[in-house]
Amino acid sequence: MMKLAVQVKLLPTPKQAAALQATLRAVNAAACQVSRQAHHLHASIRAGILGRVGSARRVRAESTPITFRADAAQPFDDRCLSWQIDARTVSIWSVAGAARNIAARGETGWAVSHAA
């Protein structure tokens, strides 16, 4: 199976930018919520994966759940993003519905990797 990794710069309209920003904040808030719930399970701590009692790594893991910045990056794939290569646009799901025909331009070119 071949995977294609592309880094692009989006050039959204102000309305598209607002929808994408709201989506990014919602996704990262949801990730923080999941992290808080997972933190209560402490499965990795109980299993000893995070070190012995009193170790710095274990103390850090026990103290606070992982948090995500509201504007942290979020990966997209073909389940929530579609390319219109000839038009040099993308469409991305958002909390306001699909943000369609967002202008995009390549930043670093195309990188191809082969997955096993």
PDB file of N, CA and C in Angstrom:
ATOM      1  N   MET A   1       0.835  -1.175   0.000  1.00  0.00           N
ATOM      2  CA  MET A   1       0.000   0.000   0.000  1.00  0.00           C
ATOM      3  C   MET A   1       0.882   1.241   0.000  1.00  0.00           C
ATOM      4  N   MET A   2       0.562   2.192  -0.818  1.00  0.00           N
ATOM      5  CA  MET A   2       1.332   3.424  -0.888  1.00  0.00           C
ATOM      6  C   MET A   2       0.549   4.547  -0.228  1.00  0.00           C
ATOM      7  N   LYS A   3       1.250   5.322   0.595  1.00  0.00           N
ATOM      8  CA  LYS A   3       0.636   6.489   1.223  1.00  0.00           C
ATOM      9  C   LYS A   3       1.300   7.734   0.678  1.00  0.00           C
ATOM     10  N   LEU A   4       0.507   8.766   0.555  1.00  0.00           N
ATOM     11  CA  LEU A   4       1.006  10.035   0.053  1.00  0.00           C
ATOM     12  C   LEU A   4       0.856  11.068   1.157  1.00  0.00           C
ATOM     13  N   ALA A   5       1.948  11.699   1.558  1.00  0.00           N
ATOM     14  CA  ALA A   5       1.916  12.738   2.581  1.00  0.00           C
ATOM     15  C   ALA A   5       2.198  14.076   1.916  1.00  0.00           C
ATOM     16  N   VAL A   6       1.311  15.027   2.143  1.00  0.00           N
ATOM     17  CA  VAL A   6       1.432  16.328   1.498  1.00  0.00           C
ATOM     18  C   VAL A   6       1.279  17.426   2.536  1.00  0.00           C
ATOM     19  N   GLN A   7       2.156  18.395   2.481  1.00  0.00           N
ATOM     20  CA  GLN A   7       2.020  19.566   3.338  1.00  0.00           C
ATOM     21  C   GLN A   7       1.570  20.714   2.455  1.00  0.00           C
ATOM     22  N   VAL A   8       0.435  21.283   2.795  1.00  0.00           N
ATOM     23  CA  VAL A   8      -0.108  22.378   2.004  1.00  0.00           C
ATOM     24  C   VAL A   8      -0.449  23.542   2.914  1.00  0.00           C
ATOM     25  N   LYS A   9      -0.549  24.689   2.313  1.00  0.00           N
ATOM     26  CA  LYS A   9      -1.011  25.878   3.031  1.00  0.00           C
ATOM     27  C   LYS A   9      -2.414  26.168   2.530  1.00  0.00           C
ATOM     28  N   LEU A  10      -3.361  26.253   3.477  1.00  0.00           N
ATOM     29  CA  LEU A  10      -4.728  26.586   3.112  1.00  0.00           C
ATOM     30  C   LEU A  10      -4.887  28.091   3.032  1.00  0.00           C
ATOM     31  N   LEU A  11      -5.687  28.529   2.082  1.00  0.00           N
ATOM     32  CA  LEU A  11      -5.970  29.946   1.896  1.00  0.00           C
ATOM     33  C   LEU A  11      -7.488  30.147   1.978  1.00  0.00           C
ATOM     34  N   PRO A  12      -8.060  29.946   3.181  1.00  0.00           N
ATOM     35  CA  PRO A  12      -9.510  30.000   3.311  1.00  0.00           C
ATOM     36  C   PRO A  12     -10.056  31.420   3.274  1.00  0.00           C
ATOM     37  N   THR A  13     -11.325  31.512   2.915  1.00  0.00           N
ATOM     38  CA  THR A  13     -12.028  32.790   3.039  1.00  0.00           C
ATOM     39  C   THR A  13     -12.226  33.036   4.536  1.00  0.00           C
ATOM     40  N   PRO A  14     -12.587  34.243   4.937  1.00  0.00           N
ATOM     41  CA  PRO A  14     -12.839  34.487   6.365  1.00  0.00           C
ATOM     42  C   PRO A  14     -13.905  33.552   6.949  1.00  0.00           C
ATOM     43  N   LYS A  15     -14.962  33.254   6.199  1.00  0.00           N
ATOM     44  CA  LYS A  15     -16.013  32.348   6.677  1.00  0.00           C
ATOM     45  C   LYS A  15     -15.471  30.931   6.831  1.00  0.00           C
ATOM     46  N   GLN A  16     -14.690  30.463   5.852  1.00  0.00           N
ATOM     47  CA  GLN A  16     -14.090  29.135   5.935  1.00  0.00           C
ATOM     48  C   GLN A  16     -13.112  29.067   7.105  1.00  0.00           C
ATOM     49  N   ALA A  17     -12.329  30.117   7.288  1.00  0.00           N
ATOM     50  CA  ALA A  17     -11.342  30.156   8.374  1.00  0.00           C
ATOM     51  C   ALA A  17     -12.041  30.065   9.729  1.00  0.00           C
ATOM     52  N   ALA A  18     -13.159  30.761   9.883  1.00  0.00           N
ATOM     53  CA  ALA A  18     -13.899  30.712  11.147  1.00  0.00           C
ATOM     54  C   ALA A  18     -14.431  29.306  11.411  1.00  0.00           C
ATOM     55  N   ALA A  19     -14.947  28.645  10.379  1.00  0.00           N
ATOM     56  CA  ALA A  19     -15.462  27.286  10.529  1.00  0.00           C
ATOM     57  C   ALA A  19     -14.342  26.317  10.885  1.00  0.00           C
ATOM     58  N   LEU A  20     -13.190  26.455  10.230  1.00  0.00           N
ATOM     59  CA  LEU A  20     -12.066  25.567  10.513  1.00  0.00           C
ATOM     60  C   LEU A  20     -11.506  25.801  11.915  1.00  0.00           C
ATOM     61  N   GLN A  21     -11.446  27.064  12.326  1.00  0.00           N
ATOM     62  CA  GLN A  21     -10.959  27.375  13.674  1.00  0.00           C
ATOM     63  C   GLN A  21     -11.908  26.813  14.736  1.00  0.00           C
ATOM     64  N   ALA A  22     -13.204  26.958  14.524  1.00  0.00           N
ATOM     65  CA  ALA A  22     -14.183  26.404  15.465  1.00  0.00           C
ATOM     66  C   ALA A  22     -14.070  24.884  15.529  1.00  0.00           C
ATOM     67  N   THR A  23     -13.832  24.260  14.388  1.00  0.00           N
ATOM     68  CA  THR A  23     -13.674  22.807  14.335  1.00  0.00           C
ATOM     69  C   THR A  23     -12.429  22.378  15.098  1.00  0.00           C
ATOM     70  N   LEU A  24     -11.320  23.070  14.875  1.00  0.00           N
ATOM     71  CA  LEU A  24     -10.073  22.746  15.547  1.00  0.00           C
ATOM     72  C   LEU A  24     -10.251  22.847  17.060  1.00  0.00           C
ATOM     73  N   ARG A  25     -10.908  23.889  17.520  1.00  0.00           N
ATOM     74  CA  ARG A  25     -11.143  24.053  18.961  1.00  0.00           C
ATOM     75  C   ARG A  25     -12.037  22.940  19.501  1.00  0.00           C
ATOM     76  N   ALA A  26     -13.074  22.557  18.746  1.00  0.00           N
ATOM     77  CA  ALA A  26     -13.979  21.487  19.185  1.00  0.00           C
ATOM     78  C   ALA A  26     -13.263  20.145  19.250  1.00  0.00           C
ATOM     79  N   VAL A  27     -12.450  19.846  18.244  1.00  0.00           N
ATOM     80  CA  VAL A  27     -11.710  18.578  18.215  1.00  0.00           C
ATOM     81  C   VAL A  27     -10.731  18.508  19.375  1.00  0.00           C
ATOM     82  N   ASN A  28     -10.019  19.586  19.625  1.00  0.00           N
ATOM     83  CA  ASN A  28      -9.043  19.582  20.707  1.00  0.00           C
ATOM     84  C   ASN A  28      -9.713  19.564  22.080  1.00  0.00           C
ATOM     85  N   ALA A  29     -10.874  20.195  22.220  1.00  0.00           N
ATOM     86  CA  ALA A  29     -11.630  20.115  23.473  1.00  0.00           C
ATOM     87  C   ALA A  29     -12.090  18.682  23.716  1.00  0.00           C
ATOM     88  N   ALA A  30     -12.541  18.015  22.655  1.00  0.00           N
ATOM     89  CA  ALA A  30     -12.966  16.610  22.775  1.00  0.00           C
ATOM     90  C   ALA A  30     -11.771  15.730  23.152  1.00  0.00           C
ATOM     91  N   ALA A  31     -10.610  15.991  22.563  1.00  0.00           N
ATOM     92  CA  ALA A  31      -9.408  15.217  22.892  1.00  0.00           C
ATOM     93  C   ALA A  31      -9.034  15.408  24.359  1.00  0.00           C
ATOM     94  N   CYS A  32      -9.180  16.617  24.864  1.00  0.00           N
ATOM     95  CA  CYS A  32      -8.901  16.877  26.287  1.00  0.00           C
ATOM     96  C   CYS A  32      -9.878  16.118  27.176  1.00  0.00           C
ATOM     97  N   GLN A  33     -11.142  16.087  26.783  1.00  0.00           N
ATOM     98  CA  GLN A  33     -12.149  15.357  27.559  1.00  0.00           C
ATOM     99  C   GLN A  33     -11.830  13.859  27.601  1.00  0.00           C
ATOM    100  N   VAL A  34     -11.479  13.300  26.466  1.00  0.00           N
ATOM    101  CA  VAL A  34     -11.113  11.882  26.410  1.00  0.00           C
ATOM    102  C   VAL A  34      -9.881  11.628  27.274  1.00  0.00           C
ATOM    103  N   SER A  35      -8.922  12.539  27.218  1.00  0.00           N
ATOM    104  CA  SER A  35      -7.719  12.404  28.019  1.00  0.00           C
ATOM    105  C   SER A  35      -8.039  12.420  29.515  1.00  0.00           C
ATOM    106  N   ARG A  36      -8.937  13.318  29.915  1.00  0.00           N
ATOM    107  CA  ARG A  36      -9.327  13.369  31.333  1.00  0.00           C
ATOM    108  C   ARG A  36      -9.983  12.057  31.765  1.00  0.00           C
ATOM    109  N   GLN A  37     -10.848  11.520  30.923  1.00  0.00           N
ATOM    110  CA  GLN A  37     -11.508  10.257  31.272  1.00  0.00           C
ATOM    111  C   GLN A  37     -10.505   9.108  31.309  1.00  0.00           C
ATOM    112  N   ALA A  38      -9.600   9.067  30.349  1.00  0.00           N
ATOM    113  CA  ALA A  38      -8.585   8.016  30.325  1.00  0.00           C
ATOM    114  C   ALA A  38      -7.655   8.132  31.534  1.00  0.00           C
ATOM    115  N   HIS A  39      -7.380   9.354  31.959  1.00  0.00           N
ATOM    116  CA  HIS A  39      -6.508   9.578  33.108  1.00  0.00           C
ATOM    117  C   HIS A  39      -7.089   8.922  34.360  1.00  0.00           C
ATOM    118  N   HIS A  40      -8.405   8.939  34.474  1.00  0.00           N
ATOM    119  CA  HIS A  40      -9.043   8.321  35.638  1.00  0.00           C
ATOM    120  C   HIS A  40      -8.878   6.807  35.634  1.00  0.00           C
ATOM    121  N   LEU A  41      -8.657   6.212  34.455  1.00  0.00           N
ATOM    122  CA  LEU A  41      -8.503   4.752  34.393  1.00  0.00           C
ATOM    123  C   LEU A  41      -7.149   4.297  34.920  1.00  0.00           C
ATOM    124  N   HIS A  42      -6.125   5.066  34.684  1.00  0.00           N
ATOM    125  CA  HIS A  42      -4.771   4.778  35.173  1.00  0.00           C
ATOM    126  C   HIS A  42      -4.272   3.375  34.813  1.00  0.00           C
ATOM    127  N   ALA A  43      -4.745   2.817  33.720  1.00  0.00           N
ATOM    128  CA  ALA A  43      -4.366   1.450  33.348  1.00  0.00           C
ATOM    129  C   ALA A  43      -2.858   1.309  33.150  1.00  0.00           C
ATOM    130  N   SER A  44      -2.233   2.258  32.474  1.00  0.00           N
ATOM    131  CA  SER A  44      -0.789   2.160  32.234  1.00  0.00           C
ATOM    132  C   SER A  44      -0.002   2.298  33.527  1.00  0.00           C
ATOM    133  N   ILE A  45      -0.511   3.108  34.441  1.00  0.00           N
ATOM    134  CA  ILE A  45       0.175   3.285  35.720  1.00  0.00           C
ATOM    135  C   ILE A  45       0.095   1.989  36.520  1.00  0.00           C
ATOM    136  N   ARG A  46      -1.101   1.411  36.597  1.00  0.00           N
ATOM    137  CA  ARG A  46      -1.269   0.155  37.341  1.00  0.00           C
ATOM    138  C   ARG A  46      -0.443  -0.971  36.736  1.00  0.00           C
ATOM    139  N   ALA A  47      -0.280  -0.951  35.419  1.00  0.00           N
ATOM    140  CA  ALA A  47       0.478  -2.000  34.746  1.00  0.00           C
ATOM    141  C   ALA A  47       1.986  -1.803  34.904  1.00  0.00           C
ATOM    142  N   GLY A  48       2.395  -0.678  35.470  1.00  0.00           N
ATOM    143  CA  GLY A  48       3.817  -0.417  35.667  1.00  0.00           C
ATOM    144  C   GLY A  48       4.537   0.105  34.446  1.00  0.00           C
ATOM    145  N   ILE A  49       3.801   0.435  33.407  1.00  0.00           N
ATOM    146  CA  ILE A  49       4.406   0.909  32.157  1.00  0.00           C
ATOM    147  C   ILE A  49       5.074   2.261  32.337  1.00  0.00           C
ATOM    148  N   LEU A  50       4.581   3.059  33.272  1.00  0.00           N
ATOM    149  CA  LEU A  50       5.109   4.414  33.445  1.00  0.00           C
ATOM    150  C   LEU A  50       6.120   4.517  34.577  1.00  0.00           C
ATOM    151  N   GLY A  51       6.698   3.411  34.951  1.00  0.00           N
ATOM    152  CA  GLY A  51       7.760   3.433  35.954  1.00  0.00           C
ATOM    153  C   GLY A  51       7.294   2.989  37.324  1.00  0.00           C
ATOM    154  N   ARG A  52       8.266   2.892  38.214  1.00  0.00           N
ATOM    155  CA  ARG A  52       7.957   2.434  39.574  1.00  0.00           C
ATOM    156  C   ARG A  52       7.422   3.600  40.416  1.00  0.00           C
ATOM    157  N   VAL A  53       6.819   3.279  41.516  1.00  0.00           N
ATOM    158  CA  VAL A  53       6.252   4.290  42.412  1.00  0.00           C
ATOM    159  C   VAL A  53       7.333   5.298  42.793  1.00  0.00           C
ATOM    160  N   GLY A  54       7.005   6.574  42.644  1.00  0.00           N
ATOM    161  CA  GLY A  54       7.935   7.638  43.004  1.00  0.00           C
ATOM    162  C   GLY A  54       8.819   8.124  41.872  1.00  0.00           C
ATOM    163  N   SER A  55       8.868   7.408  40.737  1.00  0.00           N
ATOM    164  CA  SER A  55       9.714   7.859  39.627  1.00  0.00           C
ATOM    165  C   SER A  55       9.122   9.147  39.038  1.00  0.00           C
ATOM    166  N   ALA A  56       9.976   9.985  38.485  1.00  0.00           N
ATOM    167  CA  ALA A  56       9.525  11.268  37.936  1.00  0.00           C
ATOM    168  C   ALA A  56       8.479  11.082  36.846  1.00  0.00           C
ATOM    169  N   ARG A  57       8.689  10.108  35.977  1.00  0.00           N
ATOM    170  CA  ARG A  57       7.739   9.868  34.882  1.00  0.00           C
ATOM    171  C   ARG A  57       6.374   9.442  35.426  1.00  0.00           C
ATOM    172  N   ARG A  58       6.375   8.571  36.412  1.00  0.00           N
ATOM    173  CA  ARG A  58       5.106   8.110  36.984  1.00  0.00           C
ATOM    174  C   ARG A  58       4.403   9.232  37.739  1.00  0.00           C
ATOM    175  N   VAL A  59       5.146  10.026  38.504  1.00  0.00           N
ATOM    176  CA  VAL A  59       4.555  11.150  39.236  1.00  0.00           C
ATOM    177  C   VAL A  59       3.908  12.116  38.270  1.00  0.00           C
ATOM    178  N   ARG A  60       4.592  12.414  37.159  1.00  0.00           N
ATOM    179  CA  ARG A  60       4.045  13.324  36.141  1.00  0.00           C
ATOM    180  C   ARG A  60       2.771  12.749  35.532  1.00  0.00           C
ATOM    181  N   ALA A  61       2.766  11.441  35.249  1.00  0.00           N
ATOM    182  CA  ALA A  61       1.594  10.798  34.656  1.00  0.00           C
ATOM    183  C   ALA A  61       0.417  10.766  35.623  1.00  0.00           C
ATOM    184  N   GLU A  62       0.707  10.595  36.899  1.00  0.00           N
ATOM    185  CA  GLU A  62      -0.361  10.531  37.897  1.00  0.00           C
ATOM    186  C   GLU A  62      -0.930  11.897  38.228  1.00  0.00           C
ATOM    187  N   SER A  63      -0.145  12.951  38.003  1.00  0.00           N
ATOM    188  CA  SER A  63      -0.561  14.275  38.466  1.00  0.00           C
ATOM    189  C   SER A  63      -1.624  14.925  37.594  1.00  0.00           C
ATOM    190  N   THR A  64      -1.467  14.914  36.294  1.00  0.00           N
ATOM    191  CA  THR A  64      -2.426  15.616  35.434  1.00  0.00           C
ATOM    192  C   THR A  64      -2.626  14.862  34.130  1.00  0.00           C
ATOM    193  N   PRO A  65      -3.831  14.953  33.568  1.00  0.00           N
ATOM    194  CA  PRO A  65      -4.063  14.340  32.249  1.00  0.00           C
ATOM    195  C   PRO A  65      -3.388  15.159  31.156  1.00  0.00           C
ATOM    196  N   ILE A  66      -3.183  14.534  30.029  1.00  0.00           N
ATOM    197  CA  ILE A  66      -2.645  15.237  28.861  1.00  0.00           C
ATOM    198  C   ILE A  66      -3.673  16.258  28.407  1.00  0.00           C
ATOM    199  N   THR A  67      -3.225  17.437  28.038  1.00  0.00           N
ATOM    200  CA  THR A  67      -4.135  18.459  27.510  1.00  0.00           C
ATOM    201  C   THR A  67      -3.686  18.874  26.119  1.00  0.00           C
ATOM    202  N   PHE A  68      -4.623  19.372  25.352  1.00  0.00           N
ATOM    203  CA  PHE A  68      -4.369  19.818  23.990  1.00  0.00           C
ATOM    204  C   PHE A  68      -4.711  21.295  23.903  1.00  0.00           C
ATOM    205  N   ARG A  69      -3.809  22.084  23.334  1.00  0.00           N
ATOM    206  CA  ARG A  69      -4.095  23.508  23.133  1.00  0.00           C
ATOM    207  C   ARG A  69      -5.286  23.654  22.195  1.00  0.00           C
ATOM    208  N   ALA A  70      -6.071  24.685  22.399  1.00  0.00           N
ATOM    209  CA  ALA A  70      -7.249  24.915  21.563  1.00  0.00           C
ATOM    210  C   ALA A  70      -6.870  25.025  20.086  1.00  0.00           C
ATOM    211  N   ASP A  71      -5.674  25.555  19.809  1.00  0.00           N
ATOM    212  CA  ASP A  71      -5.253  25.746  18.423  1.00  0.00           C
ATOM    213  C   ASP A  71      -4.176  24.754  17.987  1.00  0.00           C
ATOM    214  N   ALA A  72      -4.086  23.629  18.700  1.00  0.00           N
ATOM    215  CA  ALA A  72      -3.101  22.610  18.337  1.00  0.00           C
ATOM    216  C   ALA A  72      -3.452  21.992  16.984  1.00  0.00           C
ATOM    217  N   ALA A  73      -2.455  21.462  16.321  1.00  0.00           N
ATOM    218  CA  ALA A  73      -2.662  20.850  15.005  1.00  0.00           C
ATOM    219  C   ALA A  73      -3.546  19.624  15.107  1.00  0.00           C
ATOM    220  N   GLN A  74      -4.240  19.333  14.040  1.00  0.00           N
ATOM    221  CA  GLN A  74      -5.105  18.159  13.959  1.00  0.00           C
ATOM    222  C   GLN A  74      -4.877  17.494  12.610  1.00  0.00           C
ATOM    223  N   PRO A  75      -4.498  16.214  12.594  1.00  0.00           N
ATOM    224  CA  PRO A  75      -4.303  15.546  11.305  1.00  0.00           C
ATOM    225  C   PRO A  75      -5.632  15.265  10.612  1.00  0.00           C
ATOM    226  N   PHE A  76      -5.626  15.301   9.303  1.00  0.00           N
ATOM    227  CA  PHE A  76      -6.797  14.987   8.504  1.00  0.00           C
ATOM    228  C   PHE A  76      -6.443  13.870   7.544  1.00  0.00           C
ATOM    229  N   ASP A  77      -7.423  13.068   7.206  1.00  0.00           N
ATOM    230  CA  ASP A  77      -7.227  12.025   6.204  1.00  0.00           C
ATOM    231  C   ASP A  77      -8.446  11.972   5.306  1.00  0.00           C
ATOM    232  N   ASP A  78      -8.515  10.954   4.451  1.00  0.00           N
ATOM    233  CA  ASP A  78      -9.585  10.910   3.459  1.00  0.00           C
ATOM    234  C   ASP A  78     -10.972  10.675   4.037  1.00  0.00           C
ATOM    235  N   ARG A  79     -11.071  10.462   5.342  1.00  0.00           N
ATOM    236  CA  ARG A  79     -12.392  10.336   5.965  1.00  0.00           C
ATOM    237  C   ARG A  79     -13.032  11.704   6.218  1.00  0.00           C
ATOM    238  N   CYS A  80     -12.211  12.764   6.275  1.00  0.00           N
ATOM    239  CA  CYS A  80     -12.754  14.086   6.590  1.00  0.00           C
ATOM    240  C   CYS A  80     -12.226  15.182   5.661  1.00  0.00           C
ATOM    241  N   LEU A  81     -11.485  14.784   4.643  1.00  0.00           N
ATOM    242  CA  LEU A  81     -10.890  15.743   3.722  1.00  0.00           C
ATOM    243  C   LEU A  81     -10.910  15.158   2.314  1.00  0.00           C
ATOM    244  N   SER A  82     -11.234  15.991   1.343  1.00  0.00           N
ATOM    245  CA  SER A  82     -11.147  15.530  -0.041  1.00  0.00           C
ATOM    246  C   SER A  82     -10.390  16.570  -0.863  1.00  0.00           C
ATOM    247  N   TRP A  83      -9.663  16.078  -1.834  1.00  0.00           N
ATOM    248  CA  TRP A  83      -8.817  16.918  -2.682  1.00  0.00           C
ATOM    249  C   TRP A  83      -9.479  17.142  -4.038  1.00  0.00           C
ATOM    250  N   GLN A  84      -9.371  18.330  -4.535  1.00  0.00           N
ATOM    251  CA  GLN A  84      -9.697  18.644  -5.922  1.00  0.00           C
ATOM    252  C   GLN A  84      -8.372  19.157  -6.510  1.00  0.00           C
ATOM    253  N   ILE A  85      -7.549  18.204  -6.926  1.00  0.00           N
ATOM    254  CA  ILE A  85      -6.174  18.519  -7.306  1.00  0.00           C
ATOM    255  C   ILE A  85      -6.101  19.483  -8.483  1.00  0.00           C
ATOM    256  N   ASP A  86      -6.888  19.233  -9.528  1.00  0.00           N
ATOM    257  CA  ASP A  86      -6.848  20.125 -10.695  1.00  0.00           C
ATOM    258  C   ASP A  86      -7.234  21.556 -10.343  1.00  0.00           C
ATOM    259  N   ALA A  87      -8.177  21.706  -9.410  1.00  0.00           N
ATOM    260  CA  ALA A  87      -8.628  23.038  -9.006  1.00  0.00           C
ATOM    261  C   ALA A  87      -7.759  23.622  -7.897  1.00  0.00           C
ATOM    262  N   ARG A  88      -6.853  22.806  -7.351  1.00  0.00           N
ATOM    263  CA  ARG A  88      -6.000  23.205  -6.233  1.00  0.00           C
ATOM    264  C   ARG A  88      -6.821  23.682  -5.036  1.00  0.00           C
ATOM    265  N   THR A  89      -7.825  22.877  -4.707  1.00  0.00           N
ATOM    266  CA  THR A  89      -8.663  23.162  -3.546  1.00  0.00           C
ATOM    267  C   THR A  89      -8.867  21.878  -2.750  1.00  0.00           C
ATOM    268  N   VAL A  90      -9.317  22.049  -1.512  1.00  0.00           N
ATOM    269  CA  VAL A  90      -9.686  20.933  -0.655  1.00  0.00           C
ATOM    270  C   VAL A  90     -11.039  21.235  -0.026  1.00  0.00           C
ATOM    271  N   SER A  91     -11.709  20.189   0.386  1.00  0.00           N
ATOM    272  CA  SER A  91     -12.933  20.319   1.161  1.00  0.00           C
ATOM    273  C   SER A  91     -12.706  19.558   2.458  1.00  0.00           C
ATOM    274  N   ILE A  92     -13.067  20.177   3.583  1.00  0.00           N
ATOM    275  CA  ILE A  92     -12.808  19.606   4.902  1.00  0.00           C
ATOM    276  C   ILE A  92     -14.085  19.682   5.721  1.00  0.00           C
ATOM    277  N   TRP A  93     -14.391  18.611   6.476  1.00  0.00           N
ATOM    278  CA  TRP A  93     -15.551  18.673   7.355  1.00  0.00           C
ATOM    279  C   TRP A  93     -15.290  19.713   8.430  1.00  0.00           C
ATOM    280  N   SER A  94     -16.352  20.322   8.908  1.00  0.00           N
ATOM    281  CA  SER A  94     -16.233  21.298   9.994  1.00  0.00           C
ATOM    282  C   SER A  94     -17.500  21.262  10.831  1.00  0.00           C
ATOM    283  N   VAL A  95     -17.477  21.924  11.959  1.00  0.00           N
ATOM    284  CA  VAL A  95     -18.662  21.974  12.816  1.00  0.00           C
ATOM    285  C   VAL A  95     -19.792  22.752  12.156  1.00  0.00           C
ATOM    286  N   ALA A  96     -19.481  23.510  11.116  1.00  0.00           N
ATOM    287  CA  ALA A  96     -20.489  24.282  10.379  1.00  0.00           C
ATOM    288  C   ALA A  96     -20.885  23.581   9.077  1.00  0.00           C
ATOM    289  N   GLY A  97     -20.534  22.308   8.941  1.00  0.00           N
ATOM    290  CA  GLY A  97     -20.779  21.586   7.697  1.00  0.00           C
ATOM    291  C   GLY A  97     -19.495  21.551   6.884  1.00  0.00           C
ATOM    292  N   ALA A  98     -19.574  21.021   5.690  1.00  0.00           N
ATOM    293  CA  ALA A  98     -18.376  20.911   4.861  1.00  0.00           C
ATOM    294  C   ALA A  98     -17.895  22.283   4.418  1.00  0.00           C
ATOM    295  N   ALA A  99     -16.615  22.551   4.651  1.00  0.00           N
ATOM    296  CA  ALA A  99     -15.978  23.766   4.142  1.00  0.00           C
ATOM    297  C   ALA A  99     -15.428  23.383   2.774  1.00  0.00           C
ATOM    298  N   ARG A 100     -16.113  23.800   1.733  1.00  0.00           N
ATOM    299  CA  ARG A 100     -15.788  23.349   0.377  1.00  0.00           C
ATOM    300  C   ARG A 100     -14.926  24.360  -0.383  1.00  0.00           C
ATOM    301  N   ASN A 101     -14.137  23.804  -1.305  1.00  0.00           N
ATOM    302  CA  ASN A 101     -13.333  24.602  -2.238  1.00  0.00           C
ATOM    303  C   ASN A 101     -12.410  25.593  -1.545  1.00  0.00           C
ATOM    304  N   ILE A 102     -11.699  25.117  -0.524  1.00  0.00           N
ATOM    305  CA  ILE A 102     -10.708  25.943   0.154  1.00  0.00           C
ATOM    306  C   ILE A 102      -9.452  25.950  -0.709  1.00  0.00           C
ATOM    307  N   ALA A 103      -9.001  27.107  -1.087  1.00  0.00           N
ATOM    308  CA  ALA A 103      -7.783  27.206  -1.897  1.00  0.00           C
ATOM    309  C   ALA A 103      -6.605  26.635  -1.109  1.00  0.00           C
ATOM    310  N   ALA A 104      -5.736  25.903  -1.808  1.00  0.00           N
ATOM    311  CA  ALA A 104      -4.573  25.292  -1.175  1.00  0.00           C
ATOM    312  C   ALA A 104      -3.398  25.357  -2.121  1.00  0.00           C
ATOM    313  N   ARG A 105      -2.213  25.527  -1.544  1.00  0.00           N
ATOM    314  CA  ARG A 105      -1.004  25.482  -2.366  1.00  0.00           C
ATOM    315  C   ARG A 105       0.048  24.665  -1.643  1.00  0.00           C
ATOM    316  N   GLY A 106       0.865  23.978  -2.414  1.00  0.00           N
ATOM    317  CA  GLY A 106       1.907  23.130  -1.846  1.00  0.00           C
ATOM    318  C   GLY A 106       2.997  23.959  -1.214  1.00  0.00           C
ATOM    319  N   GLU A 107       3.448  23.513  -0.042  1.00  0.00           N
ATOM    320  CA  GLU A 107       4.527  24.209   0.661  1.00  0.00           C
ATOM    321  C   GLU A 107       5.877  23.556   0.401  1.00  0.00           C
ATOM    322  N   THR A 108       5.923  22.228   0.530  1.00  0.00           N
ATOM    323  CA  THR A 108       7.200  21.538   0.403  1.00  0.00           C
ATOM    324  C   THR A 108       7.196  20.461  -0.657  1.00  0.00           C
ATOM    325  N   GLY A 109       6.181  20.417  -1.464  1.00  0.00           N
ATOM    326  CA  GLY A 109       6.111  19.394  -2.503  1.00  0.00           C
ATOM    327  C   GLY A 109       5.473  18.130  -1.995  1.00  0.00           C
ATOM    328  N   TRP A 110       5.626  17.071  -2.741  1.00  0.00           N
ATOM    329  CA  TRP A 110       4.992  15.795  -2.434  1.00  0.00           C
ATOM    330  C   TRP A 110       6.031  14.838  -1.860  1.00  0.00           C
ATOM    331  N   ALA A 111       5.624  14.096  -0.863  1.00  0.00           N
ATOM    332  CA  ALA A 111       6.484  13.068  -0.281  1.00  0.00           C
ATOM    333  C   ALA A 111       5.740  11.747  -0.338  1.00  0.00           C
ATOM    334  N   VAL A 112       6.376  10.738  -0.864  1.00  0.00           N
ATOM    335  CA  VAL A 112       5.726   9.437  -0.989  1.00  0.00           C
ATOM    336  C   VAL A 112       6.429   8.453  -0.066  1.00  0.00           C
ATOM    337  N   SER A 113       5.633   7.708   0.696  1.00  0.00           N
ATOM    338  CA  SER A 113       6.210   6.659   1.532  1.00  0.00           C
ATOM    339  C   SER A 113       5.463   5.364   1.273  1.00  0.00           C
ATOM    340  N   HIS A 114       6.132   4.272   1.453  1.00  0.00           N
ATOM    341  CA  HIS A 114       5.537   2.960   1.244  1.00  0.00           C
ATOM    342  C   HIS A 114       5.279   2.328   2.600  1.00  0.00           C
ATOM    343  N   ALA A 115       4.054   1.934   2.848  1.00  0.00           N
ATOM    344  CA  ALA A 115       3.719   1.272   4.102  1.00  0.00           C
ATOM    345  C   ALA A 115       3.623  -0.235   3.859  1.00  0.00           C
ATOM    346  N   ALA A 116       4.019  -0.981   4.847  1.00  0.00           N
ATOM    347  CA  ALA A 116       3.990  -2.452   4.708  1.00  0.00           C
ATOM    348  C   ALA A 116       2.588  -2.982   4.839  1.00  0.00           C
TER     349      ALA A 116
END
